[in-house]
Amino acid sequence: MSEFEFLTPPLIKEILEQQRIMLEIHQALMEVLSKPVVICREEKEAKND
């Protein structure tokens, strides 16, 4: 992504920011999917509320 840093119109910055967010969401999703235990933990937290 760093090769785009010299092009800094707002639109490109926005697109790069969205890509970064999507990547973070994707990584978090993959982490959750690889650990079924997390689902059980979320269910317990929901019951405690």
PDB file of N, CA and C in Angstrom:
ATOM      1  N   MET A   1       0.816  -1.210   0.000  1.00  0.00           N
ATOM      2  CA  MET A   1       0.000   0.000   0.000  1.00  0.00           C
ATOM      3  C   MET A   1       0.854   1.266   0.000  1.00  0.00           C
ATOM      4  N   SER A   2       2.077   1.203   0.495  1.00  0.00           N
ATOM      5  CA  SER A   2       2.912   2.393   0.654  1.00  0.00           C
ATOM      6  C   SER A   2       3.232   3.090  -0.663  1.00  0.00           C
ATOM      7  N   GLU A   3       3.189   2.368  -1.780  1.00  0.00           N
ATOM      8  CA  GLU A   3       3.475   3.013  -3.067  1.00  0.00           C
ATOM      9  C   GLU A   3       2.391   4.027  -3.461  1.00  0.00           C
ATOM     10  N   PHE A   4       1.221   3.965  -2.803  1.00  0.00           N
ATOM     11  CA  PHE A   4       0.149   4.917  -3.092  1.00  0.00           C
ATOM     12  C   PHE A   4       0.233   6.161  -2.206  1.00  0.00           C
ATOM     13  N   GLU A   5       1.144   6.168  -1.245  1.00  0.00           N
ATOM     14  CA  GLU A   5       1.192   7.248  -0.255  1.00  0.00           C
ATOM     15  C   GLU A   5       1.463   8.613  -0.875  1.00  0.00           C
ATOM     16  N   PHE A   6       2.213   8.656  -1.985  1.00  0.00           N
ATOM     17  CA  PHE A   6       2.510   9.949  -2.606  1.00  0.00           C
ATOM     18  C   PHE A   6       1.290  10.516  -3.332  1.00  0.00           C
ATOM     19  N   LEU A   7       0.307   9.677  -3.640  1.00  0.00           N
ATOM     20  CA  LEU A   7      -0.971  10.150  -4.210  1.00  0.00           C
ATOM     21  C   LEU A   7      -1.945  10.319  -3.055  1.00  0.00           C
ATOM     22  N   THR A   8      -2.150  11.554  -2.610  1.00  0.00           N
ATOM     23  CA  THR A   8      -2.989  11.714  -1.425  1.00  0.00           C
ATOM     24  C   THR A   8      -4.237  12.571  -1.624  1.00  0.00           C
ATOM     25  N   PRO A   9      -4.943  12.445  -2.741  1.00  0.00           N
ATOM     26  CA  PRO A   9      -6.264  13.072  -2.799  1.00  0.00           C
ATOM     27  C   PRO A   9      -7.189  12.398  -1.780  1.00  0.00           C
ATOM     28  N   PRO A  10      -8.186  13.107  -1.267  1.00  0.00           N
ATOM     29  CA  PRO A  10      -9.083  12.542  -0.250  1.00  0.00           C
ATOM     30  C   PRO A  10      -9.696  11.204  -0.661  1.00  0.00           C
ATOM     31  N   LEU A  11     -10.069  11.071  -1.931  1.00  0.00           N
ATOM     32  CA  LEU A  11     -10.719   9.847  -2.389  1.00  0.00           C
ATOM     33  C   LEU A  11      -9.804   8.640  -2.227  1.00  0.00           C
ATOM     34  N   ILE A  12      -8.550   8.780  -2.649  1.00  0.00           N
ATOM     35  CA  ILE A  12      -7.596   7.671  -2.534  1.00  0.00           C
ATOM     36  C   ILE A  12      -7.326   7.358  -1.068  1.00  0.00           C
ATOM     37  N   LYS A  13      -7.196   8.391  -0.242  1.00  0.00           N
ATOM     38  CA  LYS A  13      -7.009   8.162   1.201  1.00  0.00           C
ATOM     39  C   LYS A  13      -8.199   7.389   1.765  1.00  0.00           C
ATOM     40  N   GLU A  14      -9.409   7.762   1.332  1.00  0.00           N
ATOM     41  CA  GLU A  14     -10.621   7.106   1.813  1.00  0.00           C
ATOM     42  C   GLU A  14     -10.647   5.638   1.392  1.00  0.00           C
ATOM     43  N   ILE A  15     -10.296   5.377   0.129  1.00  0.00           N
ATOM     44  CA  ILE A  15     -10.266   4.003  -0.386  1.00  0.00           C
ATOM     45  C   ILE A  15      -9.241   3.174   0.388  1.00  0.00           C
ATOM     46  N   LEU A  16      -8.059   3.722   0.611  1.00  0.00           N
ATOM     47  CA  LEU A  16      -7.024   3.003   1.361  1.00  0.00           C
ATOM     48  C   LEU A  16      -7.479   2.726   2.790  1.00  0.00           C
ATOM     49  N   GLU A  17      -8.147   3.696   3.403  1.00  0.00           N
ATOM     50  CA  GLU A  17      -8.653   3.524   4.761  1.00  0.00           C
ATOM     51  C   GLU A  17      -9.703   2.413   4.800  1.00  0.00           C
ATOM     52  N   GLN A  18     -10.609   2.411   3.807  1.00  0.00           N
ATOM     53  CA  GLN A  18     -11.630   1.362   3.737  1.00  0.00           C
ATOM     54  C   GLN A  18     -10.984  -0.005   3.539  1.00  0.00           C
ATOM     55  N   GLN A  19      -9.960  -0.079   2.676  1.00  0.00           N
ATOM     56  CA  GLN A  19      -9.258  -1.346   2.452  1.00  0.00           C
ATOM     57  C   GLN A  19      -8.609  -1.831   3.743  1.00  0.00           C
ATOM     58  N   ARG A  20      -8.021  -0.908   4.497  1.00  0.00           N
ATOM     59  CA  ARG A  20      -7.363  -1.266   5.754  1.00  0.00           C
ATOM     60  C   ARG A  20      -8.388  -1.803   6.750  1.00  0.00           C
ATOM     61  N   ILE A  21      -9.542  -1.136   6.834  1.00  0.00           N
ATOM     62  CA  ILE A  21     -10.617  -1.572   7.729  1.00  0.00           C
ATOM     63  C   ILE A  21     -11.136  -2.951   7.309  1.00  0.00           C
ATOM     64  N   MET A  22     -11.345  -3.128   6.000  1.00  0.00           N
ATOM     65  CA  MET A  22     -11.818  -4.423   5.495  1.00  0.00           C
ATOM     66  C   MET A  22     -10.825  -5.527   5.831  1.00  0.00           C
ATOM     67  N   LEU A  23      -9.537  -5.231   5.708  1.00  0.00           N
ATOM     68  CA  LEU A  23      -8.499  -6.213   6.026  1.00  0.00           C
ATOM     69  C   LEU A  23      -8.546  -6.571   7.511  1.00  0.00           C
ATOM     70  N   GLU A  24      -8.713  -5.561   8.371  1.00  0.00           N
ATOM     71  CA  GLU A  24      -8.800  -5.812   9.813  1.00  0.00           C
ATOM     72  C   GLU A  24     -10.016  -6.663  10.138  1.00  0.00           C
ATOM     73  N   ILE A  25     -11.164  -6.340   9.525  1.00  0.00           N
ATOM     74  CA  ILE A  25     -12.387  -7.117   9.743  1.00  0.00           C
ATOM     75  C   ILE A  25     -12.186  -8.552   9.270  1.00  0.00           C
ATOM     76  N   HIS A  26     -11.573  -8.703   8.098  1.00  0.00           N
ATOM     77  CA  HIS A  26     -11.321 -10.030   7.533  1.00  0.00           C
ATOM     78  C   HIS A  26     -10.422 -10.847   8.461  1.00  0.00           C
ATOM     79  N   GLN A  27      -9.350 -10.215   8.962  1.00  0.00           N
ATOM     80  CA  GLN A  27      -8.433 -10.919   9.862  1.00  0.00           C
ATOM     81  C   GLN A  27      -9.142 -11.323  11.153  1.00  0.00           C
ATOM     82  N   ALA A  28      -9.970 -10.431  11.684  1.00  0.00           N
ATOM     83  CA  ALA A  28     -10.715 -10.736  12.905  1.00  0.00           C
ATOM     84  C   ALA A  28     -11.700 -11.877  12.665  1.00  0.00           C
ATOM     85  N   LEU A  29     -12.362 -11.846  11.505  1.00  0.00           N
ATOM     86  CA  LEU A  29     -13.293 -12.916  11.128  1.00  0.00           C
ATOM     87  C   LEU A  29     -12.576 -14.249  11.040  1.00  0.00           C
ATOM     88  N   MET A  30     -11.440 -14.273  10.364  1.00  0.00           N
ATOM     89  CA  MET A  30     -10.674 -15.509  10.213  1.00  0.00           C
ATOM     90  C   MET A  30     -10.242 -16.038  11.582  1.00  0.00           C
ATOM     91  N   GLU A  31      -9.896 -15.122  12.488  1.00  0.00           N
ATOM     92  CA  GLU A  31      -9.496 -15.520  13.833  1.00  0.00           C
ATOM     93  C   GLU A  31     -10.666 -16.181  14.561  1.00  0.00           C
ATOM     94  N   VAL A  32     -11.847 -15.565  14.454  1.00  0.00           N
ATOM     95  CA  VAL A  32     -13.056 -16.110  15.092  1.00  0.00           C
ATOM     96  C   VAL A  32     -13.402 -17.473  14.495  1.00  0.00           C
ATOM     97  N   LEU A  33     -13.336 -17.570  13.163  1.00  0.00           N
ATOM     98  CA  LEU A  33     -13.692 -18.826  12.497  1.00  0.00           C
ATOM     99  C   LEU A  33     -12.713 -19.946  12.834  1.00  0.00           C
ATOM    100  N   SER A  34     -11.466 -19.603  13.103  1.00  0.00           N
ATOM    101  CA  SER A  34     -10.468 -20.629  13.411  1.00  0.00           C
ATOM    102  C   SER A  34     -10.539 -21.063  14.878  1.00  0.00           C
ATOM    103  N   LYS A  35     -11.300 -20.323  15.705  1.00  0.00           N
ATOM    104  CA  LYS A  35     -11.430 -20.673  17.123  1.00  0.00           C
ATOM    105  C   LYS A  35     -12.908 -20.795  17.503  1.00  0.00           C
ATOM    106  N   PRO A  36     -13.491 -21.976  17.410  1.00  0.00           N
ATOM    107  CA  PRO A  36     -14.904 -22.168  17.768  1.00  0.00           C
ATOM    108  C   PRO A  36     -15.194 -21.798  19.223  1.00  0.00           C
ATOM    109  N   VAL A  37     -14.173 -21.811  20.079  1.00  0.00           N
ATOM    110  CA  VAL A  37     -14.330 -21.487  21.501  1.00  0.00           C
ATOM    111  C   VAL A  37     -14.888 -20.075  21.689  1.00  0.00           C
ATOM    112  N   VAL A  38     -14.505 -19.162  20.799  1.00  0.00           N
ATOM    113  CA  VAL A  38     -14.935 -17.766  20.896  1.00  0.00           C
ATOM    114  C   VAL A  38     -16.461 -17.661  20.846  1.00  0.00           C
ATOM    115  N   ILE A  39     -17.103 -18.494  20.034  1.00  0.00           N
ATOM    116  CA  ILE A  39     -18.563 -18.490  19.899  1.00  0.00           C
ATOM    117  C   ILE A  39     -19.207 -18.825  21.245  1.00  0.00           C
ATOM    118  N   CYS A  40     -18.677 -19.843  21.929  1.00  0.00           N
ATOM    119  CA  CYS A  40     -19.203 -20.228  23.236  1.00  0.00           C
ATOM    120  C   CYS A  40     -19.039 -19.085  24.238  1.00  0.00           C
ATOM    121  N   ARG A  41     -17.885 -18.419  24.179  1.00  0.00           N
ATOM    122  CA  ARG A  41     -17.610 -17.320  25.095  1.00  0.00           C
ATOM    123  C   ARG A  41     -18.611 -16.183  24.863  1.00  0.00           C
ATOM    124  N   GLU A  42     -18.913 -15.883  23.599  1.00  0.00           N
ATOM    125  CA  GLU A  42     -19.875 -14.827  23.275  1.00  0.00           C
ATOM    126  C   GLU A  42     -21.271 -15.190  23.783  1.00  0.00           C
ATOM    127  N   GLU A  43     -21.653 -16.470  23.679  1.00  0.00           N
ATOM    128  CA  GLU A  43     -22.956 -16.913  24.173  1.00  0.00           C
ATOM    129  C   GLU A  43     -23.045 -16.740  25.687  1.00  0.00           C
ATOM    130  N   LYS A  44     -21.967 -17.073  26.393  1.00  0.00           N
ATOM    131  CA  LYS A  44     -21.942 -16.909  27.851  1.00  0.00           C
ATOM    132  C   LYS A  44     -22.082 -15.436  28.228  1.00  0.00           C
ATOM    133  N   GLU A  45     -21.363 -14.558  27.508  1.00  0.00           N
ATOM    134  CA  GLU A  45     -21.443 -13.127  27.788  1.00  0.00           C
ATOM    135  C   GLU A  45     -22.859 -12.603  27.559  1.00  0.00           C
ATOM    136  N   ALA A  46     -23.512 -13.102  26.515  1.00  0.00           N
ATOM    137  CA  ALA A  46     -24.880 -12.680  26.205  1.00  0.00           C
ATOM    138  C   ALA A  46     -25.832 -13.088  27.334  1.00  0.00           C
ATOM    139  N   LYS A  47     -25.633 -14.280  27.906  1.00  0.00           N
ATOM    140  CA  LYS A  47     -26.480 -14.747  29.010  1.00  0.00           C
ATOM    141  C   LYS A  47     -26.243 -13.926  30.275  1.00  0.00           C
ATOM    142  N   ASN A  48     -25.004 -13.482  30.485  1.00  0.00           N
ATOM    143  CA  ASN A  48     -24.674 -12.709  31.680  1.00  0.00           C
ATOM    144  C   ASN A  48     -25.278 -11.304  31.654  1.00  0.00           C
ATOM    145  N   ASP A  49     -25.539 -10.762  30.471  1.00  0.00           N
ATOM    146  CA  ASP A  49     -26.049  -9.382  30.368  1.00  0.00           C
ATOM    147  C   ASP A  49     -27.452  -9.238  30.869  1.00  0.00           C
TER     148      ASP A  49
END
